[in-house]
């Protein structure tokens, strides 16, 4: 299969390397400096930036001859609450409709589900009900892609991503008054993210939604205290006075559709 990966960062680059074992892969980055990383990995490089009002770079060539597009670009709403992510996805769809792409994988997030005091459990069978600006934009973006008749979309809602060079405990270790100590954690290793995407492609699981977080959900306090000790970091300090809000992310479709078993614990 010819595959284009829009966004070859922390997850997208190792994903591209894995898929290249069996497919022809193009990858996009936003800066000239990162182009060499793709060349070194023998992935056809493109420098592309998506804006609401237009595209910088040759998105038409990037999509040409590809049957599958994987969209792995962060909404960026934490750093800039004014970002119009829905507009960016709309711009990508404009190009997709004129391209040969038949399948889309959209990397979304479990933030589409609302945190509550009773820690509700969500599977793909639950409606996405998040009320934050990021959640609302992700939910709208998912719907735009899923309902488009020019291509079939599969959405993956990943939990918090951990793996090489990336773990929340590294910045939590020196913090005080961390909120929601009793909330369950919803995390997933990079290796499992890559293998889930690989299995979706192999098993042609199109038009689906997958929740993807490791099925164990220790409390935030227990997990990060234990992990900090294992990494020889300062123990995080939690705010015990406020009421904890959170959720448990589980999946029906990983088992029923993919028969997936996690490779790595959290």
Protein backbone atom coordinates (compact mmCIF):
# COMPACT_ATOMS: atom_id res chain seq x y z
CA UNK A 1 0.00 0.00 0.00
CA UNK A 2 1.08 3.60 -0.59
CA UNK A 3 0.74 5.48 2.70
CA UNK A 4 1.12 9.19 3.53
CA UNK A 5 1.65 10.17 7.18
CA UNK A 6 0.78 13.80 7.92
CA UNK A 7 2.91 14.53 10.97
CA UNK A 8 6.02 12.43 11.57
CA UNK A 9 6.93 13.54 15.08
CA UNK A 10 7.37 11.50 18.27
CA UNK A 11 4.79 8.90 17.19
CA UNK A 12 4.64 9.44 13.44
CA UNK A 13 8.35 8.88 12.70
CA UNK A 14 8.71 5.46 14.36
CA UNK A 15 5.32 4.56 12.87
CA UNK A 16 6.62 5.47 9.40
CA UNK A 17 9.73 3.32 9.97
CA UNK A 18 7.56 0.35 10.97
CA UNK A 19 5.12 0.69 8.07
CA UNK A 20 8.00 1.09 5.60
CA UNK A 21 8.85 -2.59 6.20
CA UNK A 22 5.78 -3.55 4.16
CA UNK A 23 4.54 -0.39 2.43
CA UNK A 24 5.69 2.67 0.50
CA UNK A 25 5.64 5.62 2.90
CA UNK A 26 5.68 9.40 2.55
CA UNK A 27 6.04 11.55 5.65
CA UNK A 28 5.52 15.22 6.42
CA UNK A 29 7.32 17.56 8.82
CA UNK A 30 6.86 21.28 9.43
CA UNK A 31 10.53 22.33 9.42
CA UNK A 32 13.40 21.96 6.96
CA UNK A 33 15.69 20.67 9.73
CA UNK A 34 13.57 17.53 10.22
CA UNK A 35 13.54 16.61 6.52
CA UNK A 36 16.89 14.84 6.90
CA UNK A 37 15.48 12.52 9.56
CA UNK A 38 12.99 11.22 7.02
CA UNK A 39 15.63 10.88 4.30
CA UNK A 40 17.86 8.94 6.71
CA UNK A 41 14.95 6.56 7.35
CA UNK A 42 14.34 6.24 3.57
CA UNK A 43 10.91 7.84 3.90
CA UNK A 44 9.95 10.29 1.14
CA UNK A 45 9.99 13.69 2.89
CA UNK A 46 7.63 16.64 2.50
CA UNK A 47 7.62 19.94 4.34
CA UNK A 48 3.97 20.84 4.93
CA UNK A 49 2.18 23.24 7.26
CA UNK A 50 -1.60 23.29 7.55
CA UNK A 51 -3.40 26.55 8.28
CA UNK A 52 -7.12 27.32 8.38
CA UNK A 53 -6.71 29.69 5.45
CA UNK A 54 -4.43 27.50 3.35
CA UNK A 55 -1.54 25.06 3.08
CA UNK A 56 2.19 25.71 2.94
CA UNK A 57 3.88 22.97 0.92
CA UNK A 58 2.80 20.54 -1.78
CA UNK A 59 -0.06 18.65 -0.14
CA UNK A 60 -1.38 17.58 -3.56
CA UNK A 61 1.84 15.67 -4.38
CA UNK A 62 1.99 14.36 -0.82
CA UNK A 63 -1.42 12.70 -1.30
CA UNK A 64 -0.87 11.67 -4.95
CA UNK A 65 -0.79 7.88 -5.51
CA UNK A 66 -1.59 7.21 -1.81
CA UNK A 67 -4.42 4.92 -0.79
CA UNK A 68 -4.17 5.76 2.92
CA UNK A 69 -3.57 9.00 4.81
CA UNK A 70 -2.69 8.90 8.51
CA UNK A 71 -3.38 12.27 10.19
CA UNK A 72 -1.18 12.63 13.27
CA UNK A 73 -1.00 16.36 13.92
CA UNK A 74 -1.57 17.79 17.41
CA UNK A 75 -4.45 20.28 17.79
CA UNK A 76 -2.07 22.63 19.66
CA UNK A 77 -4.89 24.11 21.74
CA UNK A 78 -2.95 23.92 25.00
CA UNK A 79 -0.29 26.29 23.79
CA UNK A 80 -2.69 28.43 21.75
CA UNK A 81 -6.40 28.31 22.73
CA UNK A 82 -7.27 30.39 19.64
CA UNK A 83 -6.23 27.64 17.19
CA UNK A 84 -8.97 26.62 14.76
CA UNK A 85 -8.20 22.90 14.48
CA UNK A 86 -11.58 22.19 12.86
CA UNK A 87 -10.61 24.66 10.12
CA UNK A 88 -7.31 22.84 9.57
CA UNK A 89 -9.07 19.48 9.24
CA UNK A 90 -11.55 21.08 6.83
CA UNK A 91 -8.64 22.30 4.73
CA UNK A 92 -7.13 18.78 4.65
CA UNK A 93 -10.53 17.36 3.61
CA UNK A 94 -10.64 19.81 0.67
CA UNK A 95 -7.42 18.22 -0.64
CA UNK A 96 -8.49 14.66 0.25
CA UNK A 97 -11.64 14.97 -1.85
CA UNK A 98 -9.51 15.71 -4.92
CA UNK A 99 -6.96 12.97 -4.18
CA UNK A 100 -6.88 9.18 -4.76
CA UNK A 101 -6.91 8.53 -0.98
CA UNK A 102 -9.59 5.98 -0.06
CA UNK A 103 -8.82 5.43 3.64
CA UNK A 104 -7.97 7.78 6.51
CA UNK A 105 -6.70 7.06 10.02
CA UNK A 106 -7.23 10.02 12.35
CA UNK A 107 -5.19 10.08 15.56
CA UNK A 108 -7.50 11.57 18.17
CA UNK A 109 -7.45 11.59 21.97
CA UNK A 110 -9.37 10.26 24.96
CA UNK A 111 -9.83 13.92 25.97
CA UNK A 112 -13.05 13.73 23.92
CA UNK A 113 -14.59 12.13 27.04
CA UNK A 114 -15.55 14.18 30.10
CA UNK A 115 -13.89 13.83 33.52
CA UNK A 116 -16.41 13.29 36.34
CA UNK A 117 -16.30 12.80 40.12
CA UNK A 118 -17.60 9.23 39.79
CA UNK A 119 -14.84 8.24 37.30
CA UNK A 120 -17.14 6.90 34.54
CA UNK A 121 -15.88 4.12 32.29
CA UNK A 122 -16.00 4.91 28.59
CA UNK A 123 -15.77 2.56 25.64
CA UNK A 124 -16.32 3.33 21.95
CA UNK A 125 -20.01 2.64 22.54
CA UNK A 126 -20.27 5.81 24.66
CA UNK A 127 -20.90 9.17 23.03
CA UNK A 128 -17.96 11.57 23.15
CA UNK A 129 -19.15 14.15 25.70
CA UNK A 130 -16.14 16.36 26.46
CA UNK A 131 -16.89 20.05 27.01
CA UNK A 132 -13.42 21.63 26.88
CA UNK A 133 -12.52 23.62 23.76
CA UNK A 134 -9.97 20.95 22.75
CA UNK A 135 -12.53 18.17 23.20
CA UNK A 136 -15.20 20.00 21.19
CA UNK A 137 -12.80 20.67 18.32
CA UNK A 138 -11.58 17.05 18.27
CA UNK A 139 -15.15 15.71 18.35
CA UNK A 140 -16.17 17.97 15.44
CA UNK A 141 -13.05 16.99 13.49
CA UNK A 142 -13.77 13.28 14.01
CA UNK A 143 -17.36 13.72 12.79
CA UNK A 144 -16.30 15.68 9.69
CA UNK A 145 -13.93 12.89 8.67
CA UNK A 146 -16.23 9.98 9.59
CA UNK A 147 -19.22 11.30 7.63
CA UNK A 148 -17.31 12.19 4.45
CA UNK A 149 -18.28 9.85 1.61
CA UNK A 150 -15.12 10.36 -0.45
CA UNK A 151 -13.09 8.11 1.88
CA UNK A 152 -13.48 5.79 4.88
CA UNK A 153 -12.13 7.02 8.20
CA UNK A 154 -11.03 5.10 11.28
CA UNK A 155 -10.53 7.16 14.45
CA UNK A 156 -8.11 6.14 17.21
CA UNK A 157 -8.55 7.84 20.57
CA UNK A 158 -5.22 7.31 22.33
CA UNK A 159 -4.74 7.81 26.05
CA UNK A 160 -1.68 9.65 27.34
CA UNK A 161 1.34 8.68 25.25
CA UNK A 162 4.44 7.33 26.99
CA UNK A 163 7.62 5.80 25.64
CA UNK A 164 11.16 6.74 24.61
CA UNK A 165 12.00 10.19 26.01
CA UNK A 166 8.41 10.89 26.99
CA UNK A 167 6.73 10.34 30.34
CA UNK A 168 4.51 12.74 32.37
CA UNK A 169 6.33 11.84 35.59
CA UNK A 170 9.40 13.72 34.36
CA UNK A 171 7.65 17.07 34.78
CA UNK A 172 5.28 16.04 37.59
CA UNK A 173 8.18 15.00 39.86
CA UNK A 174 9.02 18.58 40.84
CA UNK A 175 5.46 19.86 41.05
CA UNK A 176 3.35 20.53 44.14
CA UNK A 177 -0.42 20.62 44.61
CA UNK A 178 -1.13 18.31 41.67
CA UNK A 179 -4.90 17.99 41.24
CA UNK A 180 -7.06 14.87 40.93
CA UNK A 181 -4.87 12.42 42.92
CA UNK A 182 -7.60 9.73 43.01
CA UNK A 183 -8.36 9.92 39.27
CA UNK A 184 -7.52 6.80 37.22
CA UNK A 185 -4.64 7.06 34.74
CA UNK A 186 -5.21 6.26 31.05
CA UNK A 187 -1.86 5.72 29.37
CA UNK A 188 -0.46 3.80 26.42
CA UNK A 189 3.06 2.92 25.28
CA UNK A 190 4.36 4.12 21.90
CA UNK A 191 4.98 0.53 20.82
CA UNK A 192 1.30 -0.35 21.31
CA UNK A 193 0.16 2.77 19.43
CA UNK A 194 2.24 1.72 16.43
CA UNK A 195 1.09 -1.90 16.53
CA UNK A 196 -2.59 -0.94 16.83
CA UNK A 197 -2.30 1.24 13.71
CA UNK A 198 -0.44 -1.57 11.95
CA UNK A 199 -3.21 -4.05 12.83
CA UNK A 200 -5.95 -1.68 11.65
CA UNK A 201 -4.23 -1.58 8.26
CA UNK A 202 -3.61 -5.35 8.12
CA UNK A 203 -7.18 -6.23 9.11
CA UNK A 204 -8.73 -3.42 7.05
CA UNK A 205 -10.71 -2.15 10.04
CA UNK A 206 -12.15 0.91 8.32
CA UNK A 207 -15.05 3.08 9.43
CA UNK A 208 -14.39 2.26 13.09
CA UNK A 209 -13.59 4.09 16.33
CA UNK A 210 -11.00 2.62 18.69
CA UNK A 211 -10.29 3.67 22.26
CA UNK A 212 -6.70 2.82 23.08
CA UNK A 213 -5.35 2.96 26.62
CA UNK A 214 -3.72 0.24 28.71
CA UNK A 215 -6.51 -1.61 30.58
CA UNK A 216 -5.03 -1.11 34.09
CA UNK A 217 -6.02 2.20 35.70
CA UNK A 218 -4.18 2.85 38.99
CA UNK A 219 -4.84 6.21 40.63
CA UNK A 220 -2.77 9.16 39.51
CA UNK A 221 -1.21 9.41 42.98
CA UNK A 222 -0.29 5.73 43.24
CA UNK A 223 1.03 5.45 39.70
CA UNK A 224 3.17 8.59 39.61
CA UNK A 225 4.52 8.08 43.14
CA UNK A 226 5.60 4.53 42.23
CA UNK A 227 7.00 5.57 38.84
CA UNK A 228 8.96 8.50 40.36
CA UNK A 229 10.60 6.13 42.85
CA UNK A 230 11.48 3.67 40.07
CA UNK A 231 13.09 6.48 38.06
CA UNK A 232 14.84 7.92 41.13
CA UNK A 233 12.94 11.21 40.83
CA UNK A 234 11.39 13.44 43.48
CA UNK A 235 8.01 12.18 44.65
CA UNK A 236 5.22 14.38 43.24
CA UNK A 237 3.10 16.31 45.74
CA UNK A 238 -0.68 15.98 45.36
CA UNK A 239 -3.52 18.23 46.45
CA UNK A 240 -5.59 16.10 48.83
CA UNK A 241 -8.18 18.80 49.55
CA UNK A 242 -10.01 19.09 46.24
CA UNK A 243 -12.42 16.54 44.78
CA UNK A 244 -10.80 14.33 42.15
CA UNK A 245 -12.36 14.13 38.71
CA UNK A 246 -11.41 11.62 36.06
CA UNK A 247 -12.50 8.67 33.89
CA UNK A 248 -11.53 5.15 32.87
CA UNK A 249 -10.91 4.55 29.18
CA UNK A 250 -11.53 1.00 28.03
CA UNK A 251 -12.16 -0.58 24.64
CA UNK A 252 -14.58 -3.03 23.11
CA UNK A 253 -13.24 -2.77 19.56
CA UNK A 254 -9.57 -3.50 20.25
CA UNK A 255 -10.60 -6.99 21.33
CA UNK A 256 -13.63 -7.63 19.14
CA UNK A 257 -12.39 -6.11 15.88
CA UNK A 258 -8.60 -6.49 16.11
CA UNK A 259 -8.18 -9.27 18.69
CA UNK A 260 -5.50 -7.00 20.13
CA UNK A 261 -3.38 -7.81 23.18
CA UNK A 262 -1.15 -5.11 24.65
CA UNK A 263 2.61 -5.58 24.19
CA UNK A 264 3.78 -3.24 26.95
CA UNK A 265 2.52 -2.43 30.43
CA UNK A 266 2.52 1.15 31.66
